[in-house]
């Protein structure tokens, strides 16, 4: 009777030990699965963060390109404006210079005309004087 009882006890103990080992094994597998899932979630989170970061970098890059393009356009416009103003100033200076030269030429021509008229007047007076003298001489000769 004692032997049979001991065998039963032993069988029950083995059964319990086996159940305990299986329970332990199940717990370990559950822990391992949970660990795996946490790792996967962590990886997923990191991936999403990385994608957000890359998108933000792209957005910043595009903004920088737009800003640089606008800046370049503003610089080009400013350069063209300066060029235009410089050309206008040079054109005005050239026109003023030409106008000044024209005025000088006109004054010189007027002065020449005045001198010629003065000369002609003098010559006319001389001729009149000569004619008057000749007439006087002729009159004297006739007398």
Protein backbone atom coordinates (compact mmCIF):
# COMPACT_ATOMS: atom_id res chain seq x y z
CA UNK A 1 0.00 0.00 0.00
CA UNK A 2 2.77 2.45 0.88
CA UNK A 3 4.62 1.73 -2.35
CA UNK A 4 1.53 2.30 -4.47
CA UNK A 5 0.87 5.52 -2.61
CA UNK A 6 4.44 6.65 -3.17
CA UNK A 7 4.22 5.81 -6.87
CA UNK A 8 1.05 7.86 -7.13
CA UNK A 9 2.72 10.68 -5.23
CA UNK A 10 5.72 10.48 -7.51
CA UNK A 11 3.50 10.45 -10.63
CA UNK A 12 1.53 13.43 -9.31
CA UNK A 13 4.74 15.25 -8.44
CA UNK A 14 6.13 14.56 -11.93
CA UNK A 15 2.84 15.74 -13.45
CA UNK A 16 2.98 18.92 -11.34
CA UNK A 17 6.64 19.46 -12.18
CA UNK A 18 5.81 19.01 -15.88
CA UNK A 19 2.88 21.45 -15.60
CA UNK A 20 5.08 23.90 -13.72
CA UNK A 21 7.77 23.65 -16.41
CA UNK A 22 5.17 24.14 -19.14
CA UNK A 23 3.72 27.12 -17.25
CA UNK A 24 7.24 28.54 -16.87
CA UNK A 25 7.89 27.90 -20.56
CA UNK A 26 4.60 29.65 -21.48
CA UNK A 27 5.51 32.61 -19.27
CA UNK A 28 8.93 32.89 -20.89
CA UNK A 29 7.42 32.68 -24.37
CA UNK A 30 4.85 35.35 -23.45
CA UNK A 31 7.60 37.60 -22.06
CA UNK A 32 9.68 37.00 -25.18
CA UNK A 33 6.68 37.83 -27.42
CA UNK A 34 5.93 40.99 -25.43
CA UNK A 35 9.62 41.97 -25.61
CA UNK A 36 9.57 41.39 -29.39
CA UNK A 37 6.41 43.46 -29.74
CA UNK A 38 7.90 46.33 -27.68
CA UNK A 39 11.06 46.23 -29.81
CA UNK A 40 8.96 46.30 -32.97
CA UNK A 41 6.90 49.25 -31.69
CA UNK A 42 10.11 51.05 -30.76
CA UNK A 43 11.50 50.43 -34.26
CA UNK A 44 8.24 51.63 -35.82
CA UNK A 45 8.31 54.77 -33.69
CA UNK A 46 11.93 55.47 -34.66
CA UNK A 47 11.07 54.99 -38.32
CA UNK A 48 8.18 57.43 -38.07
CA UNK A 49 10.41 59.95 -36.31
CA UNK A 50 13.01 59.54 -39.02
CA UNK A 51 10.41 60.10 -41.75
CA UNK A 52 9.10 63.22 -39.99
CA UNK A 53 12.66 64.53 -39.69
CA UNK A 54 13.34 63.86 -43.40
CA UNK A 55 10.09 65.57 -44.42
CA UNK A 56 10.98 68.58 -42.27
CA UNK A 57 14.45 68.68 -43.86
CA UNK A 58 12.87 68.60 -47.33
CA UNK A 59 10.47 71.38 -46.40
CA UNK A 60 13.32 73.51 -45.06
CA UNK A 61 15.39 72.80 -48.17
CA UNK A 62 12.50 73.91 -50.43
CA UNK A 63 11.98 77.06 -48.33
CA UNK A 64 15.70 77.84 -48.57
CA UNK A 65 15.63 77.33 -52.36
CA UNK A 66 12.60 79.61 -52.72
CA UNK A 67 14.25 82.25 -50.50
CA UNK A 68 17.53 82.04 -52.44
CA UNK A 69 15.72 82.26 -55.79
CA UNK A 70 13.75 85.32 -54.61
CA UNK A 71 16.93 86.88 -53.23
CA UNK A 72 18.69 86.30 -56.56
CA UNK A 73 15.74 87.85 -58.44
CA UNK A 74 15.80 90.88 -56.10
CA UNK A 75 19.56 91.27 -56.64
CA UNK A 76 19.11 91.00 -60.42
CA UNK A 77 16.31 93.57 -60.35
CA UNK A 78 18.43 95.90 -58.22
CA UNK A 79 21.35 95.44 -60.63
CA UNK A 80 19.09 96.12 -63.65
CA UNK A 81 17.69 99.21 -61.88
CA UNK A 82 21.21 100.51 -61.17
CA UNK A 83 22.23 99.76 -64.76
CA UNK A 84 19.14 101.57 -66.09
CA UNK A 85 19.76 104.60 -63.84
CA UNK A 86 23.43 104.68 -64.86
CA UNK A 87 22.51 104.57 -68.57
CA UNK A 88 19.91 107.32 -68.02
CA UNK A 89 22.47 109.50 -66.23
CA UNK A 90 25.07 108.90 -68.98
CA UNK A 91 22.46 109.72 -71.66
CA UNK A 92 21.51 112.95 -69.85
CA UNK A 93 25.17 113.92 -69.41
CA UNK A 94 25.84 113.25 -73.10
CA UNK A 95 22.77 115.27 -74.14
CA UNK A 96 23.76 118.12 -71.84
CA UNK A 97 27.27 118.05 -73.25
CA UNK A 98 25.95 118.05 -76.84
CA UNK A 99 23.50 120.88 -75.99
CA UNK A 100 26.35 122.86 -74.45
CA UNK A 101 28.51 122.30 -77.53
CA UNK A 102 25.62 123.39 -79.78
CA UNK A 103 25.18 126.57 -77.74
CA UNK A 104 28.90 127.30 -77.98
CA UNK A 105 28.83 126.74 -81.77
CA UNK A 106 25.79 129.00 -82.09
CA UNK A 107 27.49 131.74 -80.04
CA UNK A 108 30.62 131.43 -82.17
CA UNK A 109 28.52 131.68 -85.37
CA UNK A 110 26.66 134.72 -84.00
CA UNK A 111 29.99 136.32 -83.08
CA UNK A 112 31.35 135.60 -86.59
CA UNK A 113 28.22 137.10 -88.15
CA UNK A 114 28.52 140.16 -85.94
CA UNK A 115 32.19 140.56 -86.91
CA UNK A 116 31.36 140.13 -90.62
CA UNK A 117 28.54 142.67 -90.40
CA UNK A 118 30.87 145.06 -88.55
CA UNK A 119 33.52 144.50 -91.24
CA UNK A 120 30.98 145.05 -94.02
CA UNK A 121 29.74 148.22 -92.31
CA UNK A 122 33.35 149.47 -92.03
CA UNK A 123 34.00 148.62 -95.69
CA UNK A 124 30.79 150.37 -96.70
CA UNK A 125 31.76 153.45 -94.71
CA UNK A 126 35.24 153.38 -96.29
CA UNK A 127 33.71 153.11 -99.78
CA UNK A 128 31.30 155.92 -99.03
CA UNK A 129 34.20 158.00 -97.75
CA UNK A 130 36.27 157.17 -100.84
CA UNK A 131 33.34 157.98 -103.10
CA UNK A 132 32.79 161.22 -101.26
CA UNK A 133 36.51 162.07 -101.60
CA UNK A 134 36.50 161.14 -105.29
CA UNK A 135 33.42 163.25 -105.88
CA UNK A 136 35.09 166.12 -104.05
CA UNK A 137 38.28 165.69 -106.13
CA UNK A 138 36.29 165.60 -109.35
CA UNK A 139 34.43 168.72 -108.33
CA UNK A 140 37.70 170.44 -107.50
CA UNK A 141 39.18 169.34 -110.79
CA UNK A 142 36.18 170.63 -112.68
CA UNK A 143 36.42 173.96 -110.93
